[in-house]
Amino acid sequence: MSADIVNLRQFKKKQARSDKEKQAEQNRISFGRTKVEKQLTTALNDKAEKALDQGHIDKNDDGK
């Protein structure tokens, strides 16, 4: 039985890189949206706001 010799400093660095990559992947899933997705959301919100404003009834000051 021969064990492989491992440099502990290199192992720790490799492990830290792996942990950071896993965290980055989670952040990409949680927060990452493409520019097109952001523009689509903005366009849909604007369209909904316009539709809401079209149904709005303004009251005049003279009581009519």
C-alpha atoms as a PDB file:
ATOM      1  CA  MET A   1       0.000   0.000   0.000  1.00  0.00           C
ATOM      2  CA  SER A   2       1.531   3.206  -1.104  1.00  0.00           C
ATOM      3  CA  ALA A   3      -0.126   6.521  -0.349  1.00  0.00           C
ATOM      4  CA  ASP A   4       0.114   9.462  -2.676  1.00  0.00           C
ATOM      5  CA  ILE A   5       2.032  12.396  -1.304  1.00  0.00           C
ATOM      6  CA  VAL A   6      -0.104  15.531  -1.280  1.00  0.00           C
ATOM      7  CA  ASN A   7       1.090  19.061  -0.780  1.00  0.00           C
ATOM      8  CA  LEU A   8      -1.303  20.397   1.869  1.00  0.00           C
ATOM      9  CA  ARG A   9      -0.996  24.028   0.712  1.00  0.00           C
ATOM     10  CA  GLN A  10      -1.915  23.110  -2.861  1.00  0.00           C
ATOM     11  CA  PHE A  11      -4.760  20.902  -1.651  1.00  0.00           C
ATOM     12  CA  LYS A  12      -6.217  23.737   0.438  1.00  0.00           C
ATOM     13  CA  LYS A  13      -5.987  26.169  -2.485  1.00  0.00           C
ATOM     14  CA  LYS A  14      -7.651  23.678  -4.811  1.00  0.00           C
ATOM     15  CA  GLN A  15     -10.415  23.080  -2.269  1.00  0.00           C
ATOM     16  CA  ALA A  16     -10.946  26.839  -1.798  1.00  0.00           C
ATOM     17  CA  ARG A  17     -11.212  27.359  -5.583  1.00  0.00           C
ATOM     18  CA  SER A  18     -13.738  24.560  -5.787  1.00  0.00           C
ATOM     19  CA  ASP A  19     -15.831  26.068  -2.975  1.00  0.00           C
ATOM     20  CA  LYS A  20     -15.745  29.521  -4.586  1.00  0.00           C
ATOM     21  CA  GLU A  21     -16.839  28.064  -7.922  1.00  0.00           C
ATOM     22  CA  LYS A  22     -19.780  26.300  -6.281  1.00  0.00           C
ATOM     23  CA  GLN A  23     -20.823  29.579  -4.609  1.00  0.00           C
ATOM     24  CA  ALA A  24     -20.459  31.456  -7.900  1.00  0.00           C
ATOM     25  CA  GLU A  25     -22.689  28.914  -9.637  1.00  0.00           C
ATOM     26  CA  GLN A  26     -25.354  29.386  -6.975  1.00  0.00           C
ATOM     27  CA  ASN A  27     -25.127  33.171  -7.384  1.00  0.00           C
ATOM     28  CA  ARG A  28     -25.475  32.879 -11.166  1.00  0.00           C
ATOM     29  CA  ILE A  29     -28.637  30.841 -10.688  1.00  0.00           C
ATOM     30  CA  SER A  30     -30.050  33.153  -8.024  1.00  0.00           C
ATOM     31  CA  PHE A  31     -29.156  36.583  -9.378  1.00  0.00           C
ATOM     32  CA  GLY A  32     -28.048  36.189 -12.967  1.00  0.00           C
ATOM     33  CA  ARG A  33     -30.410  37.374 -15.670  1.00  0.00           C
ATOM     34  CA  THR A  34     -29.469  38.245 -19.193  1.00  0.00           C
ATOM     35  CA  LYS A  35     -29.922  41.709 -20.629  1.00  0.00           C
ATOM     36  CA  VAL A  36     -32.769  40.425 -22.831  1.00  0.00           C
ATOM     37  CA  GLU A  37     -34.590  38.988 -19.815  1.00  0.00           C
ATOM     38  CA  LYS A  38     -34.311  42.320 -17.990  1.00  0.00           C
ATOM     39  CA  GLN A  39     -35.584  44.202 -21.059  1.00  0.00           C
ATOM     40  CA  LEU A  40     -38.508  41.796 -21.426  1.00  0.00           C
ATOM     41  CA  THR A  41     -39.506  42.312 -17.799  1.00  0.00           C
ATOM     42  CA  THR A  42     -39.313  46.094 -18.215  1.00  0.00           C
ATOM     43  CA  ALA A  43     -41.394  45.966 -21.414  1.00  0.00           C
ATOM     44  CA  LEU A  44     -44.060  43.795 -19.779  1.00  0.00           C
ATOM     45  CA  ASN A  45     -44.242  46.121 -16.773  1.00  0.00           C
ATOM     46  CA  ASP A  46     -44.592  49.172 -19.046  1.00  0.00           C
ATOM     47  CA  LYS A  47     -47.347  47.468 -21.051  1.00  0.00           C
ATOM     48  CA  ALA A  48     -49.246  46.542 -17.891  1.00  0.00           C
ATOM     49  CA  GLU A  49     -48.918  50.096 -16.556  1.00  0.00           C
ATOM     50  CA  LYS A  50     -50.267  51.569 -19.808  1.00  0.00           C
ATOM     51  CA  ALA A  51     -53.212  49.153 -19.780  1.00  0.00           C
ATOM     52  CA  LEU A  52     -53.982  50.156 -16.212  1.00  0.00           C
ATOM     53  CA  ASP A  53     -53.794  53.866 -17.044  1.00  0.00           C
ATOM     54  CA  GLN A  54     -56.145  53.441 -20.015  1.00  0.00           C
ATOM     55  CA  GLY A  55     -58.906  52.253 -17.720  1.00  0.00           C
ATOM     56  CA  HIS A  56     -58.411  55.157 -15.338  1.00  0.00           C
ATOM     57  CA  ILE A  57     -61.232  57.731 -15.071  1.00  0.00           C
ATOM     58  CA  ASP A  58     -60.173  61.305 -14.422  1.00  0.00           C
ATOM     59  CA  LYS A  59     -62.557  63.479 -12.411  1.00  0.00           C
ATOM     60  CA  ASN A  60     -62.893  67.145 -13.302  1.00  0.00           C
ATOM     61  CA  ASP A  61     -62.671  69.910 -10.712  1.00  0.00           C
ATOM     62  CA  ASP A  62     -66.045  71.424 -11.709  1.00  0.00           C
ATOM     63  CA  GLY A  63     -67.977  68.442 -10.317  1.00  0.00           C
ATOM     64  CA  LYS A  64     -69.140  66.837 -13.587  1.00  0.00           C
END
